[in-house]
């Protein structure tokens, strides 16, 4: 088997793994948009906030230590011991659920019935506010996130069957773990939306707010639930990206890469977010492999947006989105 073909196969598999990471972020957008019609610009910052909170809890850091020290003249920084990863994750989940409740009570409860652009602008304000709170709460230093996920190149693949052809596959163990976790997360979310009372309430609210209200479904409860689920998805995405590249403020920019994923998969489809992420991941990897050397490289920075633009022209609702038909 030619080396170039094997290399293309390796590039494709790594692209699939990267696509899974994109899809994890896109899932949070889909959950909130599907249930409330709000495009949550703050989803990327939520992933950053979740990752920073997890690292801070793990390291036993005191929240707002810099602010406390400035006001009181004290020199507190940590509680003196570290928190186990599992307990830290559970505490971070509690923080994200509390954040969802606070957002609903303080912000969106007062914006029910407003135009979509007003809700969108509210999420922009929320994103900048949350980024500032993250900095004030945990500091701006780059931190290493370690929750026990496997790291490094997978030796079984690198030194296995493909070396019979004189070529090894270089696939990161973290990417494999991310793919497995994403598959489990999607299966759980689909099962939750299809087979639970709360999931059916979410789908009812997504179809028609007024009809859902008429049968006794609480919009406030459903929206808190949806923002909580989006916060948990943001935590998973933050763990994966933070473990891969460190917890830093550039982590919030991964939301920009999720936008083409949404345009391809559709804003209202959970499976669409996964399929869109895989298409973007494989597409940009293969395009860089095949065309990048001919035009100077760095095509992964813009390929996804060009592909998304083509979809907006020919199929604006995405592959799995609902076709909108308006009578005029």
Protein backbone atom coordinates (compact mmCIF):
# COMPACT_ATOMS: atom_id res chain seq x y z
CA UNK A 1 0.00 0.00 0.00
CA UNK A 2 1.52 3.38 -1.01
CA UNK A 3 2.80 5.58 1.80
CA UNK A 4 0.77 8.54 0.50
CA UNK A 5 -2.46 6.57 0.77
CA UNK A 6 -1.65 5.51 4.33
CA UNK A 7 -0.71 9.07 5.21
CA UNK A 8 -4.03 10.30 3.77
CA UNK A 9 -5.83 7.67 5.87
CA UNK A 10 -4.00 8.87 8.99
CA UNK A 11 -4.86 12.48 8.19
CA UNK A 12 -8.52 11.51 7.72
CA UNK A 13 -8.69 9.66 11.05
CA UNK A 14 -7.06 12.54 12.91
CA UNK A 15 -9.49 14.88 11.14
CA UNK A 16 -12.38 12.77 12.42
CA UNK A 17 -11.03 13.05 15.95
CA UNK A 18 -10.69 16.83 15.65
CA UNK A 19 -14.20 16.98 14.20
CA UNK A 20 -15.53 15.26 17.32
CA UNK A 21 -13.96 18.03 19.42
CA UNK A 22 -15.67 20.67 17.25
CA UNK A 23 -18.97 18.81 17.55
CA UNK A 24 -18.80 18.84 21.36
CA UNK A 25 -18.88 22.65 21.32
CA UNK A 26 -21.60 22.74 18.64
CA UNK A 27 -23.83 20.52 20.80
CA UNK A 28 -24.18 23.28 23.38
CA UNK A 29 -25.35 25.71 20.71
CA UNK A 30 -27.90 23.20 19.39
CA UNK A 31 -29.39 22.41 22.81
CA UNK A 32 -30.10 26.05 23.66
CA UNK A 33 -31.21 27.11 20.18
CA UNK A 34 -33.53 24.14 19.75
CA UNK A 35 -35.38 24.71 23.03
CA UNK A 36 -35.46 28.50 23.24
CA UNK A 37 -34.55 29.93 19.85
CA UNK A 38 -31.56 31.72 21.41
CA UNK A 39 -28.24 31.61 19.58
CA UNK A 40 -25.87 31.44 22.54
CA UNK A 41 -22.76 33.40 21.63
CA UNK A 42 -21.42 32.64 25.13
CA UNK A 43 -21.09 28.87 24.59
CA UNK A 44 -17.34 29.04 23.95
CA UNK A 45 -16.81 31.19 27.05
CA UNK A 46 -18.90 28.69 29.03
CA UNK A 47 -16.41 26.00 28.00
CA UNK A 48 -13.56 28.26 29.15
CA UNK A 49 -15.31 29.07 32.45
CA UNK A 50 -16.05 25.39 33.11
CA UNK A 51 -12.45 24.35 32.41
CA UNK A 52 -11.00 27.15 34.58
CA UNK A 53 -13.42 26.30 37.39
CA UNK A 54 -12.47 22.63 37.20
CA UNK A 55 -8.74 23.40 37.35
CA UNK A 56 -9.27 25.88 40.17
CA UNK A 57 -11.25 23.37 42.25
CA UNK A 58 -8.76 20.59 41.53
CA UNK A 59 -5.83 22.71 42.67
CA UNK A 60 -7.72 23.85 45.77
CA UNK A 61 -7.57 27.50 44.77
CA UNK A 62 -9.62 30.12 46.58
CA UNK A 63 -12.06 31.84 44.19
CA UNK A 64 -11.54 35.58 43.81
CA UNK A 65 -8.26 35.31 45.75
CA UNK A 66 -6.76 38.39 44.03
CA UNK A 67 -9.84 40.46 44.89
CA UNK A 68 -9.89 39.22 48.49
CA UNK A 69 -6.18 39.99 48.91
CA UNK A 70 -6.58 43.47 47.43
CA UNK A 71 -9.48 44.37 49.71
CA UNK A 72 -8.32 42.78 52.96
CA UNK A 73 -4.54 42.82 52.55
CA UNK A 74 -4.42 39.07 53.16
CA UNK A 75 -2.33 36.60 51.14
CA UNK A 76 -4.70 33.71 50.53
CA UNK A 77 -4.32 31.59 47.41
CA UNK A 78 -5.20 27.97 48.13
CA UNK A 79 -7.06 25.97 50.77
CA UNK A 80 -3.95 23.85 51.36
CA UNK A 81 -5.00 20.61 49.64
CA UNK A 82 -6.02 19.36 46.20
CA UNK A 83 -9.41 17.91 45.24
CA UNK A 84 -9.68 14.52 43.46
CA UNK A 85 -10.60 14.79 39.78
CA UNK A 86 -14.00 13.05 40.05
CA UNK A 87 -15.13 15.21 42.98
CA UNK A 88 -13.84 18.33 41.20
CA UNK A 89 -15.87 17.43 38.09
CA UNK A 90 -19.03 16.91 40.17
CA UNK A 91 -18.52 20.25 41.93
CA UNK A 92 -17.99 21.95 38.56
CA UNK A 93 -21.23 20.41 37.27
CA UNK A 94 -22.98 21.94 40.31
CA UNK A 95 -21.42 25.32 39.47
CA UNK A 96 -22.62 25.11 35.85
CA UNK A 97 -26.16 24.19 36.96
CA UNK A 98 -26.11 27.14 39.37
CA UNK A 99 -24.90 29.35 36.54
CA UNK A 100 -27.79 28.16 34.34
CA UNK A 101 -30.32 28.99 37.06
CA UNK A 102 -28.76 32.44 37.58
CA UNK A 103 -28.76 33.24 33.86
CA UNK A 104 -32.43 32.32 33.55
CA UNK A 105 -33.52 34.22 36.66
CA UNK A 106 -31.45 37.37 36.16
CA UNK A 107 -31.34 37.72 32.36
CA UNK A 108 -33.63 35.68 30.14
CA UNK A 109 -36.67 35.60 32.43
CA UNK A 110 -37.06 39.32 31.69
CA UNK A 111 -36.54 38.94 27.93
CA UNK A 112 -39.33 36.46 27.14
CA UNK A 113 -41.09 37.49 23.93
CA UNK A 114 -38.33 39.83 22.77
CA UNK A 115 -36.91 39.79 19.25
CA UNK A 116 -34.20 37.17 18.53
CA UNK A 117 -31.59 39.90 17.93
CA UNK A 118 -32.14 41.21 21.48
CA UNK A 119 -31.64 37.74 22.92
CA UNK A 120 -28.51 37.31 20.81
CA UNK A 121 -27.09 40.62 22.02
CA UNK A 122 -27.81 39.49 25.59
CA UNK A 123 -25.64 36.39 25.05
CA UNK A 124 -22.83 38.59 23.72
CA UNK A 125 -22.97 40.64 26.91
CA UNK A 126 -23.12 37.42 28.91
CA UNK A 127 -20.00 36.12 27.13
CA UNK A 128 -17.90 39.17 27.97
CA UNK A 129 -19.22 39.26 31.53
CA UNK A 130 -18.43 35.58 32.06
CA UNK A 131 -14.95 35.99 30.61
CA UNK A 132 -14.28 38.84 33.04
CA UNK A 133 -15.62 36.82 35.96
CA UNK A 134 -13.40 33.89 34.96
CA UNK A 135 -10.34 36.14 35.03
CA UNK A 136 -11.33 37.70 38.35
CA UNK A 137 -12.27 34.36 39.89
CA UNK A 138 -9.31 32.19 38.88
CA UNK A 139 -6.68 34.46 37.31
CA UNK A 140 -5.41 34.55 33.73
CA UNK A 141 -2.45 32.16 33.91
CA UNK A 142 -2.27 29.22 31.51
CA UNK A 143 -2.93 26.04 33.47
CA UNK A 144 -2.55 22.34 32.81
CA UNK A 145 -5.69 20.26 33.08
CA UNK A 146 -5.28 16.62 34.09
CA UNK A 147 -8.32 14.52 34.97
CA UNK A 148 -6.70 11.18 34.18
CA UNK A 149 -7.45 11.04 30.45
CA UNK A 150 -4.85 9.13 28.38
CA UNK A 151 -2.22 11.23 26.64
CA UNK A 152 0.37 10.65 23.93
CA UNK A 153 0.44 8.60 20.74
CA UNK A 154 -1.43 5.29 20.75
CA UNK A 155 1.31 2.63 20.67
CA UNK A 156 -1.04 -0.19 19.68
CA UNK A 157 -1.92 1.63 16.45
CA UNK A 158 1.52 3.11 15.86
CA UNK A 159 3.36 -0.21 16.24
CA UNK A 160 0.62 -2.55 15.05
CA UNK A 161 -0.64 -3.90 11.76
CA UNK A 162 0.13 -0.86 9.64
CA UNK A 163 3.86 -1.19 10.34
CA UNK A 164 3.77 -4.28 8.15
CA UNK A 165 3.83 -1.73 5.34
CA UNK A 166 6.68 0.22 6.95
CA UNK A 167 4.36 2.97 8.17
CA UNK A 168 2.78 3.67 11.58
CA UNK A 169 -0.41 5.54 12.41
CA UNK A 170 0.06 8.47 14.78
CA UNK A 171 -3.23 8.95 16.65
CA UNK A 172 -3.47 10.73 19.98
CA UNK A 173 -4.95 8.73 22.85
CA UNK A 174 -6.78 11.87 24.00
CA UNK A 175 -8.52 12.14 20.62
CA UNK A 176 -9.65 8.52 20.88
CA UNK A 177 -10.99 9.15 24.39
CA UNK A 178 -12.77 12.30 23.17
CA UNK A 179 -14.44 10.35 20.36
CA UNK A 180 -15.69 7.68 22.78
CA UNK A 181 -16.93 10.24 25.33
CA UNK A 182 -18.66 12.27 22.61
CA UNK A 183 -20.43 9.16 21.29
CA UNK A 184 -21.66 8.30 24.80
CA UNK A 185 -22.74 11.90 25.43
CA UNK A 186 -24.72 12.09 22.19
CA UNK A 187 -26.40 8.73 22.89
CA UNK A 188 -27.37 9.91 26.39
CA UNK A 189 -28.72 13.24 25.09
CA UNK A 190 -30.78 11.55 22.37
CA UNK A 191 -32.16 8.99 24.83
CA UNK A 192 -32.93 11.79 27.31
CA UNK A 193 -34.81 13.86 24.71
CA UNK A 194 -36.76 10.88 23.38
CA UNK A 195 -37.64 8.76 26.41
CA UNK A 196 -37.88 11.03 29.46
CA UNK A 197 -40.62 13.37 30.62
CA UNK A 198 -38.19 16.27 30.76
CA UNK A 199 -36.92 15.49 27.27
CA UNK A 200 -40.46 15.45 25.88
CA UNK A 201 -41.07 18.79 27.58
CA UNK A 202 -37.96 20.18 25.89
CA UNK A 203 -39.20 19.00 22.50
CA UNK A 204 -42.65 20.45 23.16
CA UNK A 205 -41.15 23.85 24.01
CA UNK A 206 -38.98 23.64 20.89
CA UNK A 207 -42.05 23.02 18.70
CA UNK A 208 -44.35 25.68 20.14
CA UNK A 209 -43.87 27.78 23.28
CA UNK A 210 -47.53 28.75 23.59
CA UNK A 211 -48.78 25.19 23.11
CA UNK A 212 -46.31 23.96 25.73
CA UNK A 213 -47.53 26.60 28.18
CA UNK A 214 -51.17 25.61 27.52
CA UNK A 215 -50.52 22.04 28.71
CA UNK A 216 -48.78 23.14 31.90
CA UNK A 217 -45.11 22.98 30.89
CA UNK A 218 -42.99 25.60 32.67
CA UNK A 219 -40.79 27.51 30.24
CA UNK A 220 -38.54 28.68 33.07
CA UNK A 221 -37.94 25.10 34.21
CA UNK A 222 -37.22 23.86 30.69
CA UNK A 223 -34.83 26.72 29.93
CA UNK A 224 -32.92 26.20 33.18
CA UNK A 225 -32.71 22.51 32.28
CA UNK A 226 -31.47 23.28 28.77
CA UNK A 227 -28.86 25.78 29.96
CA UNK A 228 -27.74 23.24 32.56
CA UNK A 229 -27.29 20.57 29.88
CA UNK A 230 -25.44 23.07 27.69
CA UNK A 231 -23.21 23.88 30.67
CA UNK A 232 -22.42 20.19 31.17
CA UNK A 233 -21.62 19.83 27.45
CA UNK A 234 -19.42 22.94 27.74
CA UNK A 235 -17.63 21.29 30.68
CA UNK A 236 -16.95 18.15 28.62
CA UNK A 237 -15.69 20.27 25.72
CA UNK A 238 -13.57 22.34 28.10
CA UNK A 239 -12.03 19.19 29.58
CA UNK A 240 -11.12 17.83 26.14
CA UNK A 241 -9.71 21.05 24.73
CA UNK A 242 -8.09 22.02 28.04
CA UNK A 243 -6.38 18.62 28.31
CA UNK A 244 -5.20 18.98 24.72
CA UNK A 245 -3.89 22.55 24.66
CA UNK A 246 -4.02 23.83 28.24
CA UNK A 247 -6.62 26.01 29.94
CA UNK A 248 -6.17 29.53 28.60
CA UNK A 249 -8.38 32.36 27.41
CA UNK A 250 -7.95 31.44 23.74
CA UNK A 251 -10.08 28.39 24.61
CA UNK A 252 -13.17 30.58 24.23
CA UNK A 253 -12.38 30.98 20.51
CA UNK A 254 -13.29 27.35 19.79
CA UNK A 255 -16.88 28.60 19.52
CA UNK A 256 -15.90 30.28 16.25
CA UNK A 257 -14.96 26.88 14.81
CA UNK A 258 -18.31 25.48 15.91
CA UNK A 259 -20.22 27.94 13.71
CA UNK A 260 -19.42 26.17 10.39
CA UNK A 261 -20.36 22.89 12.10
CA UNK A 262 -23.79 24.31 12.92
CA UNK A 263 -24.26 25.64 9.40
CA UNK A 264 -23.55 22.22 7.96
CA UNK A 265 -25.48 20.10 10.44
CA UNK A 266 -28.35 22.46 11.18
CA UNK A 267 -29.05 24.56 14.26
CA UNK A 268 -31.78 22.24 15.58
CA UNK A 269 -30.26 18.77 15.18
CA UNK A 270 -28.11 16.94 17.75
CA UNK A 271 -26.99 14.28 15.22
CA UNK A 272 -26.39 17.12 12.76
CA UNK A 273 -23.86 18.70 15.14
CA UNK A 274 -21.90 15.44 15.20
CA UNK A 275 -22.07 14.85 11.44
CA UNK A 276 -21.21 18.48 10.73
CA UNK A 277 -18.23 18.30 13.07
CA UNK A 278 -16.93 15.15 11.39
CA UNK A 279 -17.32 16.67 7.91
CA UNK A 280 -15.49 19.84 8.95
CA UNK A 281 -12.73 17.91 10.73
CA UNK A 282 -12.05 15.48 7.87
CA UNK A 283 -12.59 18.11 5.18
CA UNK A 284 -10.11 20.64 6.53
CA UNK A 285 -7.52 17.92 7.24
CA UNK A 286 -7.72 16.40 3.75
CA UNK A 287 -7.85 19.84 2.08
CA UNK A 288 -4.70 20.89 3.92
CA UNK A 289 -3.06 17.57 2.97
CA UNK A 290 -3.98 17.73 -0.72
CA UNK A 291 -4.16 21.45 -1.53
CA UNK A 292 -2.29 23.17 1.28
CA UNK A 293 1.24 22.53 -0.08
CA UNK A 294 0.21 23.98 -3.45
CA UNK A 295 -1.01 27.32 -2.06
CA UNK A 296 1.25 27.83 0.93
CA UNK A 297 -0.66 25.99 3.66
CA UNK A 298 -2.75 27.29 6.58
CA UNK A 299 -5.96 26.35 4.77
CA UNK A 300 -7.48 24.95 7.98
CA UNK A 301 -8.01 28.57 9.11
CA UNK A 302 -10.55 29.29 6.38
CA UNK A 303 -11.64 26.05 4.69
CA UNK A 304 -14.48 25.40 7.16
CA UNK A 305 -15.97 28.86 6.60
CA UNK A 306 -15.83 28.56 2.80
CA UNK A 307 -17.59 25.19 3.02
CA UNK A 308 -20.20 26.67 5.38
CA UNK A 309 -20.74 29.58 2.97
CA UNK A 310 -21.47 27.12 0.16
CA UNK A 311 -24.05 25.40 2.37
CA UNK A 312 -25.67 28.72 3.24
CA UNK A 313 -26.13 29.43 -0.46
CA UNK A 314 -27.54 26.05 -1.50
CA UNK A 315 -29.03 24.58 1.71
CA UNK A 316 -29.30 27.27 4.39
CA UNK A 317 -31.06 24.98 6.90
CA UNK A 318 -28.10 22.54 6.90
CA UNK A 319 -28.07 18.80 6.30
CA UNK A 320 -30.39 17.92 9.20
CA UNK A 321 -32.11 21.24 9.87
CA UNK A 322 -35.81 21.75 9.39
CA UNK A 323 -36.79 23.30 6.08
CA UNK A 324 -38.70 26.53 6.69
CA UNK A 325 -41.61 27.15 4.34
CA UNK A 326 -43.33 30.52 4.55
CA UNK A 327 -46.53 31.44 2.73
CA UNK A 328 -46.54 34.89 1.18
